[in-house]
C-alpha cells in the first residue's frame, strides 16, 4: 500500500477508526504505554531477585508432595478465588459501559475474550513466611528457592529454543500480583478503549486491521488477567509462577484431578528449603520432620512461625 492509498483510507475513517490507528502507531499513546511489553516489564519479577517464597498448604498435602516428588499446579479457572481471571474482564466490561458501548459491542467483546488461545496454570506463593492472610490455606508454609523453581519449571515445560511450542509445552514466568484499583484502571481503560475504537471504526472498513488490533488488545488483557486481583485481597502479597500453554482441543486425562486440568511440577530436596508450622501444628513438628526424612528431604528445615499465635 502506498502512502497515498493509506491516507485515502485513513481520511475515510470515522473518529473511532482514526483514534484506533493513532493510538497503536504512537509510541507515547496511553494505549502503547500500558500494553504488550510494558505489562510484562511492569509485573514480571526476575527469579534471581525474589529469594525464598512460601506456599501455604496442609500437612497432609505436604506428605503427598514429598512422597510423590510432585506438586499440582492448578488450572487458573479452578483457583480459590471464584473471580480469578474473570475480574480483569469484568472490570473491562464496566469500562466499556462507561464508554457508552452498546449491548452488541459488549457481547462482541465477551465473545472475543472467551476464545483466547492459551491455557494457564498458576502456582501461588508469598514472600511472607508468617502471613496471617494466608493461614486459612493450611497449617504449614513451604519455603522454596524461587530461582530453582524457575529453572525446574522451565526445564519441564519450555522448548529449549522456544520453537515448536506445541501441546505439552508452555511458557514459564513469575509475576507479582497487583491489587491496586488505580493501577488496574490505568492499564485496562486504554486497552479496552482501543478495542472499542477498532471495533467501531475499522470493522468492515479495514477489517483485517480491526481484527489484528482487537487480538492485540485481548493479548494484553490476558496478561493483565494473570496478575490483577481484587484490592480486598491485598494482604496475600501474592507472587505467582505462571505456566501458559498453547490451547489444545482436549486435555490429557492423566493431568486431571477431580475433573480439573492440572500441570505437574517436579519437586526435589534442593528446591524445598524449609517448612514453617503454624502454632496450631507446633506439636506435630517431629511428625513433619519424620515425613521429610523418610522421603529424602532430611536437609529441609522445620520451623515454627514467628507469629505469637
C-alpha atoms as a PDB file:
ATOM      1  CA  UNK A   1       0.000   0.000   0.000  1.00  0.00           C
ATOM      2  CA  UNK A   2       1.362   3.386  -0.993  1.00  0.00           C
ATOM      3  CA  UNK A   3       1.288   6.357   1.416  1.00  0.00           C
ATOM      4  CA  UNK A   4      -1.346   7.970  -0.797  1.00  0.00           C
ATOM      5  CA  UNK A   5      -3.556   4.874  -0.590  1.00  0.00           C
ATOM      6  CA  UNK A   6      -3.130   4.728   3.187  1.00  0.00           C
ATOM      7  CA  UNK A   7      -4.087   8.374   3.640  1.00  0.00           C
ATOM      8  CA  UNK A   8      -7.102   7.910   1.391  1.00  0.00           C
ATOM      9  CA  UNK A   9      -8.383   5.109   3.614  1.00  0.00           C
ATOM     10  CA  UNK A  10      -7.420   6.991   6.788  1.00  0.00           C
ATOM     11  CA  UNK A  11      -9.318  10.099   5.670  1.00  0.00           C
ATOM     12  CA  UNK A  12     -12.414   7.983   5.046  1.00  0.00           C
ATOM     13  CA  UNK A  13     -12.468   6.630   8.622  1.00  0.00           C
ATOM     14  CA  UNK A  14     -14.719   7.914  11.382  1.00  0.00           C
ATOM     15  CA  UNK A  15     -13.317   9.356  14.622  1.00  0.00           C
ATOM     16  CA  UNK A  16     -13.052   5.914  16.230  1.00  0.00           C
ATOM     17  CA  UNK A  17     -11.057   4.391  13.385  1.00  0.00           C
ATOM     18  CA  UNK A  18      -8.651   7.325  13.332  1.00  0.00           C
ATOM     19  CA  UNK A  19      -8.283   7.137  17.126  1.00  0.00           C
ATOM     20  CA  UNK A  20      -7.513   3.407  16.953  1.00  0.00           C
ATOM     21  CA  UNK A  21      -4.785   3.897  14.337  1.00  0.00           C
ATOM     22  CA  UNK A  22      -3.324   6.932  16.104  1.00  0.00           C
ATOM     23  CA  UNK A  23      -3.083   5.085  19.417  1.00  0.00           C
ATOM     24  CA  UNK A  24      -1.479   1.973  18.001  1.00  0.00           C
ATOM     25  CA  UNK A  25       1.135   3.854  15.969  1.00  0.00           C
ATOM     26  CA  UNK A  26       2.079   6.485  18.566  1.00  0.00           C
ATOM     27  CA  UNK A  27       4.697   5.060  20.950  1.00  0.00           C
ATOM     28  CA  UNK A  28       3.713   7.643  23.583  1.00  0.00           C
ATOM     29  CA  UNK A  29      -0.024   6.987  23.437  1.00  0.00           C
ATOM     30  CA  UNK A  30      -1.895   5.891  26.545  1.00  0.00           C
ATOM     31  CA  UNK A  31      -2.553   2.571  24.856  1.00  0.00           C
ATOM     32  CA  UNK A  32       1.050   1.854  23.840  1.00  0.00           C
ATOM     33  CA  UNK A  33       2.410   2.770  27.291  1.00  0.00           C
ATOM     34  CA  UNK A  34       0.024   0.329  29.014  1.00  0.00           C
ATOM     35  CA  UNK A  35       0.065  -2.731  26.765  1.00  0.00           C
ATOM     36  CA  UNK A  36       2.178  -5.565  25.378  1.00  0.00           C
ATOM     37  CA  UNK A  37       5.810  -5.480  26.572  1.00  0.00           C
ATOM     38  CA  UNK A  38       5.072  -2.682  29.051  1.00  0.00           C
ATOM     39  CA  UNK A  39       2.814  -5.052  31.003  1.00  0.00           C
ATOM     40  CA  UNK A  40       5.488  -7.720  31.100  1.00  0.00           C
ATOM     41  CA  UNK A  41       8.169  -5.259  32.214  1.00  0.00           C
ATOM     42  CA  UNK A  42       5.928  -3.816  34.922  1.00  0.00           C
ATOM     43  CA  UNK A  43       4.698  -7.023  36.561  1.00  0.00           C
ATOM     44  CA  UNK A  44       7.396  -9.569  35.723  1.00  0.00           C
ATOM     45  CA  UNK A  45       9.787 -10.431  38.545  1.00  0.00           C
ATOM     46  CA  UNK A  46      13.281 -11.739  37.981  1.00  0.00           C
ATOM     47  CA  UNK A  47      13.563 -15.065  39.791  1.00  0.00           C
ATOM     48  CA  UNK A  48      17.083 -14.078  40.904  1.00  0.00           C
ATOM     49  CA  UNK A  49      15.645 -11.173  42.877  1.00  0.00           C
ATOM     50  CA  UNK A  50      12.809 -12.941  44.703  1.00  0.00           C
ATOM     51  CA  UNK A  51      14.695 -15.129  47.166  1.00  0.00           C
ATOM     52  CA  UNK A  52      12.716 -17.594  49.242  1.00  0.00           C
ATOM     53  CA  UNK A  53       8.968 -17.783  48.685  1.00  0.00           C
ATOM     54  CA  UNK A  54       6.244 -19.659  50.552  1.00  0.00           C
ATOM     55  CA  UNK A  55       3.287 -21.767  49.548  1.00  0.00           C
ATOM     56  CA  UNK A  56       0.639 -22.325  52.216  1.00  0.00           C
ATOM     57  CA  UNK A  57      -0.941 -25.771  52.455  1.00  0.00           C
ATOM     58  CA  UNK A  58      -1.832 -28.613  54.829  1.00  0.00           C
ATOM     59  CA  UNK A  59       0.376 -31.252  56.438  1.00  0.00           C
ATOM     60  CA  UNK A  60      -1.476 -33.995  54.552  1.00  0.00           C
ATOM     61  CA  UNK A  61      -0.760 -32.202  51.264  1.00  0.00           C
ATOM     62  CA  UNK A  62       2.889 -31.797  52.259  1.00  0.00           C
ATOM     63  CA  UNK A  63       3.099 -35.548  52.861  1.00  0.00           C
ATOM     64  CA  UNK A  64       1.718 -36.281  49.408  1.00  0.00           C
ATOM     65  CA  UNK A  65       4.089 -33.764  47.798  1.00  0.00           C
ATOM     66  CA  UNK A  66       7.270 -35.220  49.291  1.00  0.00           C
ATOM     67  CA  UNK A  67       6.153 -38.813  48.708  1.00  0.00           C
ATOM     68  CA  UNK A  68       5.393 -38.293  45.015  1.00  0.00           C
ATOM     69  CA  UNK A  69       8.010 -35.564  44.419  1.00  0.00           C
ATOM     70  CA  UNK A  70       5.262 -33.757  42.517  1.00  0.00           C
ATOM     71  CA  UNK A  71       3.257 -30.600  43.078  1.00  0.00           C
ATOM     72  CA  UNK A  72      -0.085 -29.986  41.394  1.00  0.00           C
ATOM     73  CA  UNK A  73      -0.059 -26.577  39.706  1.00  0.00           C
ATOM     74  CA  UNK A  74      -3.692 -25.517  39.458  1.00  0.00           C
ATOM     75  CA  UNK A  75      -5.660 -24.537  36.376  1.00  0.00           C
ATOM     76  CA  UNK A  76      -6.314 -20.811  36.623  1.00  0.00           C
ATOM     77  CA  UNK A  77     -10.062 -21.262  36.217  1.00  0.00           C
ATOM     78  CA  UNK A  78     -10.096 -23.542  39.273  1.00  0.00           C
ATOM     79  CA  UNK A  79      -8.426 -21.170  41.740  1.00  0.00           C
ATOM     80  CA  UNK A  80      -9.691 -20.487  45.278  1.00  0.00           C
ATOM     81  CA  UNK A  81     -10.861 -17.003  44.319  1.00  0.00           C
ATOM     82  CA  UNK A  82     -14.068 -17.517  42.274  1.00  0.00           C
ATOM     83  CA  UNK A  83     -13.361 -14.275  40.404  1.00  0.00           C
ATOM     84  CA  UNK A  84      -9.838 -15.306  39.414  1.00  0.00           C
ATOM     85  CA  UNK A  85      -9.130 -14.209  35.808  1.00  0.00           C
ATOM     86  CA  UNK A  86     -12.723 -13.044  35.326  1.00  0.00           C
ATOM     87  CA  UNK A  87     -12.001  -9.997  37.475  1.00  0.00           C
ATOM     88  CA  UNK A  88      -9.978  -8.240  34.766  1.00  0.00           C
ATOM     89  CA  UNK A  89     -12.624  -8.861  32.116  1.00  0.00           C
ATOM     90  CA  UNK A  90     -15.440  -7.763  34.422  1.00  0.00           C
ATOM     91  CA  UNK A  91     -13.607  -4.504  35.025  1.00  0.00           C
ATOM     92  CA  UNK A  92     -13.065  -4.133  31.272  1.00  0.00           C
ATOM     93  CA  UNK A  93     -16.804  -4.550  30.687  1.00  0.00           C
ATOM     94  CA  UNK A  94     -17.565  -1.865  33.282  1.00  0.00           C
ATOM     95  CA  UNK A  95     -15.230   0.483  31.422  1.00  0.00           C
ATOM     96  CA  UNK A  96     -16.943  -0.389  28.133  1.00  0.00           C
ATOM     97  CA  UNK A  97     -20.216   0.702  29.714  1.00  0.00           C
ATOM     98  CA  UNK A  98     -18.576   3.959  30.807  1.00  0.00           C
ATOM     99  CA  UNK A  99     -17.542   4.452  27.181  1.00  0.00           C
ATOM    100  CA  UNK A 100     -21.203   4.030  26.164  1.00  0.00           C
ATOM    101  CA  UNK A 101     -20.667   0.690  24.464  1.00  0.00           C
ATOM    102  CA  UNK A 102     -23.838  -0.915  23.205  1.00  0.00           C
ATOM    103  CA  UNK A 103     -25.016  -4.380  24.266  1.00  0.00           C
ATOM    104  CA  UNK A 104     -23.933  -5.715  20.864  1.00  0.00           C
ATOM    105  CA  UNK A 105     -20.441  -4.275  21.342  1.00  0.00           C
ATOM    106  CA  UNK A 106     -20.161  -5.737  24.840  1.00  0.00           C
ATOM    107  CA  UNK A 107     -21.348  -9.122  23.565  1.00  0.00           C
ATOM    108  CA  UNK A 108     -18.719  -8.954  20.817  1.00  0.00           C
ATOM    109  CA  UNK A 109     -16.025  -8.264  23.413  1.00  0.00           C
ATOM    110  CA  UNK A 110     -17.182 -11.179  25.572  1.00  0.00           C
ATOM    111  CA  UNK A 111     -17.086 -13.441  22.525  1.00  0.00           C
ATOM    112  CA  UNK A 112     -13.562 -12.218  21.747  1.00  0.00           C
ATOM    113  CA  UNK A 113     -12.052 -12.931  25.157  1.00  0.00           C
ATOM    114  CA  UNK A 114     -13.797 -16.269  25.578  1.00  0.00           C
ATOM    115  CA  UNK A 115     -11.896 -17.559  22.576  1.00  0.00           C
ATOM    116  CA  UNK A 116      -8.330 -16.998  23.789  1.00  0.00           C
ATOM    117  CA  UNK A 117      -5.684 -19.443  22.612  1.00  0.00           C
ATOM    118  CA  UNK A 118      -3.979 -20.331  25.886  1.00  0.00           C
ATOM    119  CA  UNK A 119      -4.426 -22.473  28.967  1.00  0.00           C
ATOM    120  CA  UNK A 120      -2.896 -21.085  32.128  1.00  0.00           C
ATOM    121  CA  UNK A 121      -1.717 -22.737  35.332  1.00  0.00           C
ATOM    122  CA  UNK A 122      -0.737 -20.886  38.489  1.00  0.00           C
ATOM    123  CA  UNK A 123       1.472 -21.796  41.444  1.00  0.00           C
ATOM    124  CA  UNK A 124       0.842 -19.233  44.169  1.00  0.00           C
ATOM    125  CA  UNK A 125       3.394 -18.031  46.716  1.00  0.00           C
ATOM    126  CA  UNK A 126       4.015 -15.239  49.183  1.00  0.00           C
ATOM    127  CA  UNK A 127       7.337 -13.697  50.214  1.00  0.00           C
ATOM    128  CA  UNK A 128       5.932 -13.691  53.776  1.00  0.00           C
ATOM    129  CA  UNK A 129       6.698 -16.832  55.787  1.00  0.00           C
ATOM    130  CA  UNK A 130       4.370 -15.638  58.573  1.00  0.00           C
ATOM    131  CA  UNK A 131       1.318 -14.468  56.645  1.00  0.00           C
ATOM    132  CA  UNK A 132      -1.876 -14.171  58.662  1.00  0.00           C
ATOM    133  CA  UNK A 133      -3.871 -13.652  55.481  1.00  0.00           C
ATOM    134  CA  UNK A 134      -2.773 -16.997  54.039  1.00  0.00           C
ATOM    135  CA  UNK A 135      -3.053 -19.038  57.222  1.00  0.00           C
ATOM    136  CA  UNK A 136      -6.506 -20.240  56.159  1.00  0.00           C
ATOM    137  CA  UNK A 137      -4.946 -22.250  53.327  1.00  0.00           C
ATOM    138  CA  UNK A 138      -3.264 -24.642  55.752  1.00  0.00           C
ATOM    139  CA  UNK A 139      -1.116 -25.160  58.812  1.00  0.00           C
ATOM    140  CA  UNK A 140       2.234 -25.111  57.013  1.00  0.00           C
ATOM    141  CA  UNK A 141       4.149 -22.742  54.782  1.00  0.00           C
ATOM    142  CA  UNK A 142       6.542 -24.459  52.368  1.00  0.00           C
ATOM    143  CA  UNK A 143       9.630 -22.379  51.696  1.00  0.00           C
ATOM    144  CA  UNK A 144      11.013 -22.755  48.179  1.00  0.00           C
ATOM    145  CA  UNK A 145      14.060 -21.443  46.340  1.00  0.00           C
ATOM    146  CA  UNK A 146      12.455 -19.228  43.679  1.00  0.00           C
ATOM    147  CA  UNK A 147      15.336 -19.424  41.224  1.00  0.00           C
ATOM    148  CA  UNK A 148      15.343 -23.221  41.316  1.00  0.00           C
ATOM    149  CA  UNK A 149      11.586 -23.286  40.764  1.00  0.00           C
ATOM    150  CA  UNK A 150      12.063 -21.162  37.653  1.00  0.00           C
ATOM    151  CA  UNK A 151      14.808 -23.462  36.387  1.00  0.00           C
ATOM    152  CA  UNK A 152      12.831 -26.626  37.118  1.00  0.00           C
ATOM    153  CA  UNK A 153       9.574 -25.480  35.550  1.00  0.00           C
ATOM    154  CA  UNK A 154      11.349 -24.083  32.501  1.00  0.00           C
ATOM    155  CA  UNK A 155      13.230 -27.344  32.012  1.00  0.00           C
ATOM    156  CA  UNK A 156       9.941 -29.255  32.218  1.00  0.00           C
ATOM    157  CA  UNK A 157       7.732 -27.095  30.046  1.00  0.00           C
ATOM    158  CA  UNK A 158       9.666 -24.765  27.757  1.00  0.00           C
ATOM    159  CA  UNK A 159      11.177 -25.918  24.481  1.00  0.00           C
ATOM    160  CA  UNK A 160      14.926 -25.143  24.692  1.00  0.00           C
ATOM    161  CA  UNK A 161      14.954 -22.974  21.577  1.00  0.00           C
ATOM    162  CA  UNK A 162      11.462 -21.500  22.193  1.00  0.00           C
ATOM    163  CA  UNK A 163      10.425 -23.080  18.915  1.00  0.00           C
ATOM    164  CA  UNK A 164       7.782 -25.724  18.307  1.00  0.00           C
ATOM    165  CA  UNK A 165       5.840 -24.692  21.413  1.00  0.00           C
ATOM    166  CA  UNK A 166       3.104 -27.199  20.741  1.00  0.00           C
ATOM    167  CA  UNK A 167       0.981 -29.354  23.007  1.00  0.00           C
ATOM    168  CA  UNK A 168       2.675 -30.172  26.294  1.00  0.00           C
ATOM    169  CA  UNK A 169       4.989 -27.172  26.214  1.00  0.00           C
ATOM    170  CA  UNK A 170       4.436 -23.863  27.950  1.00  0.00           C
ATOM    171  CA  UNK A 171       5.975 -20.508  28.769  1.00  0.00           C
ATOM    172  CA  UNK A 172       7.000 -20.145  32.420  1.00  0.00           C
ATOM    173  CA  UNK A 173       7.383 -16.790  34.165  1.00  0.00           C
ATOM    174  CA  UNK A 174       6.971 -15.263  37.647  1.00  0.00           C
ATOM    175  CA  UNK A 175       4.569 -12.349  38.165  1.00  0.00           C
ATOM    176  CA  UNK A 176       3.837 -10.056  41.059  1.00  0.00           C
ATOM    177  CA  UNK A 177       0.108  -9.777  41.664  1.00  0.00           C
ATOM    178  CA  UNK A 178      -1.226  -6.220  41.553  1.00  0.00           C
ATOM    179  CA  UNK A 179      -4.144  -5.285  43.825  1.00  0.00           C
ATOM    180  CA  UNK A 180      -4.330  -1.505  43.413  1.00  0.00           C
ATOM    181  CA  UNK A 181      -7.509  -0.404  41.638  1.00  0.00           C
ATOM    182  CA  UNK A 182      -5.944   2.801  40.289  1.00  0.00           C
ATOM    183  CA  UNK A 183      -3.240   0.732  38.622  1.00  0.00           C
ATOM    184  CA  UNK A 184      -5.882  -1.615  37.235  1.00  0.00           C
ATOM    185  CA  UNK A 185      -7.727   1.305  35.645  1.00  0.00           C
ATOM    186  CA  UNK A 186      -4.532   2.865  34.284  1.00  0.00           C
ATOM    187  CA  UNK A 187      -3.839  -0.318  32.298  1.00  0.00           C
ATOM    188  CA  UNK A 188      -7.284  -1.685  31.467  1.00  0.00           C
ATOM    189  CA  UNK A 189      -9.015   1.534  30.351  1.00  0.00           C
ATOM    190  CA  UNK A 190      -6.739   2.464  27.405  1.00  0.00           C
ATOM    191  CA  UNK A 191      -6.684  -1.153  26.212  1.00  0.00           C
ATOM    192  CA  UNK A 192     -10.448  -1.576  26.235  1.00  0.00           C
ATOM    193  CA  UNK A 193     -10.881   1.843  24.612  1.00  0.00           C
ATOM    194  CA  UNK A 194      -8.519   0.769  21.825  1.00  0.00           C
ATOM    195  CA  UNK A 195     -10.541  -2.421  21.371  1.00  0.00           C
ATOM    196  CA  UNK A 196     -13.760  -0.414  21.150  1.00  0.00           C
ATOM    197  CA  UNK A 197     -12.306   2.169  18.760  1.00  0.00           C
ATOM    198  CA  UNK A 198     -11.079  -0.582  16.440  1.00  0.00           C
ATOM    199  CA  UNK A 199     -14.440  -2.339  16.586  1.00  0.00           C
ATOM    200  CA  UNK A 200     -16.387   0.849  15.916  1.00  0.00           C
ATOM    201  CA  UNK A 201     -14.110   2.492  13.414  1.00  0.00           C
ATOM    202  CA  UNK A 202     -12.273  -0.194  11.441  1.00  0.00           C
ATOM    203  CA  UNK A 203     -14.582  -3.216  11.349  1.00  0.00           C
ATOM    204  CA  UNK A 204     -15.879  -3.634   7.838  1.00  0.00           C
ATOM    205  CA  UNK A 205     -13.902  -0.648   6.508  1.00  0.00           C
ATOM    206  CA  UNK A 206     -10.480  -2.130   7.263  1.00  0.00           C
ATOM    207  CA  UNK A 207     -11.475  -5.434   8.807  1.00  0.00           C
ATOM    208  CA  UNK A 208      -8.102  -7.189   8.807  1.00  0.00           C
ATOM    209  CA  UNK A 209      -6.568  -4.287  10.740  1.00  0.00           C
ATOM    210  CA  UNK A 210      -9.544  -4.231  13.126  1.00  0.00           C
ATOM    211  CA  UNK A 211      -9.125  -7.934  13.875  1.00  0.00           C
ATOM    212  CA  UNK A 212      -5.390  -7.550  14.421  1.00  0.00           C
ATOM    213  CA  UNK A 213      -5.851  -4.653  16.863  1.00  0.00           C
ATOM    214  CA  UNK A 214      -8.579  -6.483  18.759  1.00  0.00           C
ATOM    215  CA  UNK A 215      -6.329  -9.537  19.081  1.00  0.00           C
ATOM    216  CA  UNK A 216      -3.522  -7.340  20.402  1.00  0.00           C
ATOM    217  CA  UNK A 217      -5.872  -5.837  22.970  1.00  0.00           C
ATOM    218  CA  UNK A 218      -7.066  -9.279  24.053  1.00  0.00           C
ATOM    219  CA  UNK A 219      -3.469 -10.459  24.370  1.00  0.00           C
ATOM    220  CA  UNK A 220      -2.716  -7.544  26.695  1.00  0.00           C
ATOM    221  CA  UNK A 221      -5.852  -8.123  28.758  1.00  0.00           C
ATOM    222  CA  UNK A 222      -4.941 -11.796  29.039  1.00  0.00           C
ATOM    223  CA  UNK A 223      -1.592 -10.873  30.591  1.00  0.00           C
ATOM    224  CA  UNK A 224      -3.312  -8.482  32.984  1.00  0.00           C
ATOM    225  CA  UNK A 225      -5.813 -11.169  33.967  1.00  0.00           C
ATOM    226  CA  UNK A 226      -2.890 -13.271  35.183  1.00  0.00           C
ATOM    227  CA  UNK A 227      -1.707 -10.656  37.675  1.00  0.00           C
ATOM    228  CA  UNK A 228      -4.681  -8.432  38.603  1.00  0.00           C
ATOM    229  CA  UNK A 229      -6.741  -9.365  41.669  1.00  0.00           C
ATOM    230  CA  UNK A 230      -9.352  -7.628  43.775  1.00  0.00           C
ATOM    231  CA  UNK A 231      -7.981  -4.994  46.153  1.00  0.00           C
ATOM    232  CA  UNK A 232      -9.641  -6.649  49.163  1.00  0.00           C
ATOM    233  CA  UNK A 233      -7.095  -9.496  48.852  1.00  0.00           C
ATOM    234  CA  UNK A 234      -4.006  -7.256  49.049  1.00  0.00           C
ATOM    235  CA  UNK A 235      -2.702  -8.832  52.274  1.00  0.00           C
ATOM    236  CA  UNK A 236      -1.932 -12.032  50.389  1.00  0.00           C
ATOM    237  CA  UNK A 237       1.091 -10.288  48.777  1.00  0.00           C
ATOM    238  CA  UNK A 238       0.965 -12.964  46.097  1.00  0.00           C
ATOM    239  CA  UNK A 239       3.786 -13.882  43.788  1.00  0.00           C
ATOM    240  CA  UNK A 240       2.875 -16.484  41.224  1.00  0.00           C
ATOM    241  CA  UNK A 241       4.635 -18.723  38.776  1.00  0.00           C
ATOM    242  CA  UNK A 242       2.550 -18.994  35.630  1.00  0.00           C
ATOM    243  CA  UNK A 243       2.666 -21.741  33.025  1.00  0.00           C
ATOM    244  CA  UNK A 244       0.948 -20.647  29.809  1.00  0.00           C
ATOM    245  CA  UNK A 245       0.349 -23.409  27.281  1.00  0.00           C
ATOM    246  CA  UNK A 246      -0.964 -23.184  23.730  1.00  0.00           C
ATOM    247  CA  UNK A 247      -4.544 -24.426  23.886  1.00  0.00           C
ATOM    248  CA  UNK A 248      -5.343 -27.875  22.506  1.00  0.00           C
ATOM    249  CA  UNK A 249      -8.757 -29.277  21.729  1.00  0.00           C
ATOM    250  CA  UNK A 250      -8.590 -31.659  24.672  1.00  0.00           C
ATOM    251  CA  UNK A 251      -6.861 -32.155  27.994  1.00  0.00           C
ATOM    252  CA  UNK A 252      -4.600 -35.095  28.734  1.00  0.00           C
ATOM    253  CA  UNK A 253      -6.655 -37.363  31.006  1.00  0.00           C
ATOM    254  CA  UNK A 254      -3.520 -38.145  33.029  1.00  0.00           C
ATOM    255  CA  UNK A 255      -3.375 -34.477  34.013  1.00  0.00           C
ATOM    256  CA  UNK A 256      -6.855 -34.271  35.507  1.00  0.00           C
ATOM    257  CA  UNK A 257      -7.563 -34.114  39.237  1.00  0.00           C
ATOM    258  CA  UNK A 258     -11.205 -34.093  40.329  1.00  0.00           C
ATOM    259  CA  UNK A 259     -12.060 -33.500  36.656  1.00  0.00           C
ATOM    260  CA  UNK A 260      -9.925 -30.359  36.619  1.00  0.00           C
ATOM    261  CA  UNK A 261      -6.795 -29.995  34.465  1.00  0.00           C
ATOM    262  CA  UNK A 262      -3.512 -29.510  36.304  1.00  0.00           C
ATOM    263  CA  UNK A 263       0.168 -29.242  35.476  1.00  0.00           C
ATOM    264  CA  UNK A 264       2.770 -31.153  37.440  1.00  0.00           C
ATOM    265  CA  UNK A 265       5.849 -29.547  38.991  1.00  0.00           C
ATOM    266  CA  UNK A 266       8.706 -31.866  39.919  1.00  0.00           C
ATOM    267  CA  UNK A 267       9.959 -31.365  43.472  1.00  0.00           C
ATOM    268  CA  UNK A 268      13.306 -32.316  44.980  1.00  0.00           C
ATOM    269  CA  UNK A 269      15.082 -31.593  48.307  1.00  0.00           C
ATOM    270  CA  UNK A 270      17.154 -28.784  46.771  1.00  0.00           C
ATOM    271  CA  UNK A 271      14.039 -26.793  45.969  1.00  0.00           C
ATOM    272  CA  UNK A 272      12.139 -27.219  49.247  1.00  0.00           C
ATOM    273  CA  UNK A 273      14.291 -25.365  51.777  1.00  0.00           C
ATOM    274  CA  UNK A 274      12.039 -25.246  54.838  1.00  0.00           C
ATOM    275  CA  UNK A 275       8.648 -25.969  56.327  1.00  0.00           C
ATOM    276  CA  UNK A 276       7.135 -23.399  58.687  1.00  0.00           C
ATOM    277  CA  UNK A 277       4.464 -24.703  61.060  1.00  0.00           C
ATOM    278  CA  UNK A 278       1.628 -22.635  62.474  1.00  0.00           C
ATOM    279  CA  UNK A 279       1.088 -22.502  66.251  1.00  0.00           C
ATOM    280  CA  UNK A 280      -1.830 -24.904  65.775  1.00  0.00           C
ATOM    281  CA  UNK A 281       0.574 -27.540  64.441  1.00  0.00           C
ATOM    282  CA  UNK A 282       3.509 -26.819  66.737  1.00  0.00           C
ATOM    283  CA  UNK A 283       3.023 -30.206  68.444  1.00  0.00           C
ATOM    284  CA  UNK A 284       3.449 -32.017  65.108  1.00  0.00           C
ATOM    285  CA  UNK A 285       6.981 -30.766  64.457  1.00  0.00           C
ATOM    286  CA  UNK A 286       8.600 -34.182  64.927  1.00  0.00           C
ATOM    287  CA  UNK A 287       5.937 -35.828  62.758  1.00  0.00           C
ATOM    288  CA  UNK A 288       6.710 -33.398  59.947  1.00  0.00           C
ATOM    289  CA  UNK A 289      10.448 -33.969  60.348  1.00  0.00           C
ATOM    290  CA  UNK A 290       9.885 -37.719  60.062  1.00  0.00           C
ATOM    291  CA  UNK A 291       7.754 -37.275  56.921  1.00  0.00           C
ATOM    292  CA  UNK A 292      10.522 -35.248  55.307  1.00  0.00           C
ATOM    293  CA  UNK A 293      13.355 -37.579  56.376  1.00  0.00           C
ATOM    294  CA  UNK A 294      11.520 -40.718  55.268  1.00  0.00           C
ATOM    295  CA  UNK A 295      11.147 -39.273  51.777  1.00  0.00           C
ATOM    296  CA  UNK A 296      14.662 -37.941  51.261  1.00  0.00           C
ATOM    297  CA  UNK A 297      14.116 -34.356  52.420  1.00  0.00           C
ATOM    298  CA  UNK A 298      16.300 -34.607  55.519  1.00  0.00           C
ATOM    299  CA  UNK A 299      18.028 -31.268  54.774  1.00  0.00           C
ATOM    300  CA  UNK A 300      14.720 -29.400  54.682  1.00  0.00           C
ATOM    301  CA  UNK A 301      14.427 -27.362  57.880  1.00  0.00           C
ATOM    302  CA  UNK A 302      11.308 -27.431  60.044  1.00  0.00           C
ATOM    303  CA  UNK A 303      10.492 -24.253  61.948  1.00  0.00           C
ATOM    304  CA  UNK A 304       7.667 -22.728  63.942  1.00  0.00           C
ATOM    305  CA  UNK A 305       6.076 -19.470  62.791  1.00  0.00           C
ATOM    306  CA  UNK A 306       7.330 -16.254  64.343  1.00  0.00           C
ATOM    307  CA  UNK A 307       3.731 -15.236  64.997  1.00  0.00           C
ATOM    308  CA  UNK A 308       2.827 -15.450  68.700  1.00  0.00           C
ATOM    309  CA  UNK A 309      -0.470 -17.187  67.959  1.00  0.00           C
END
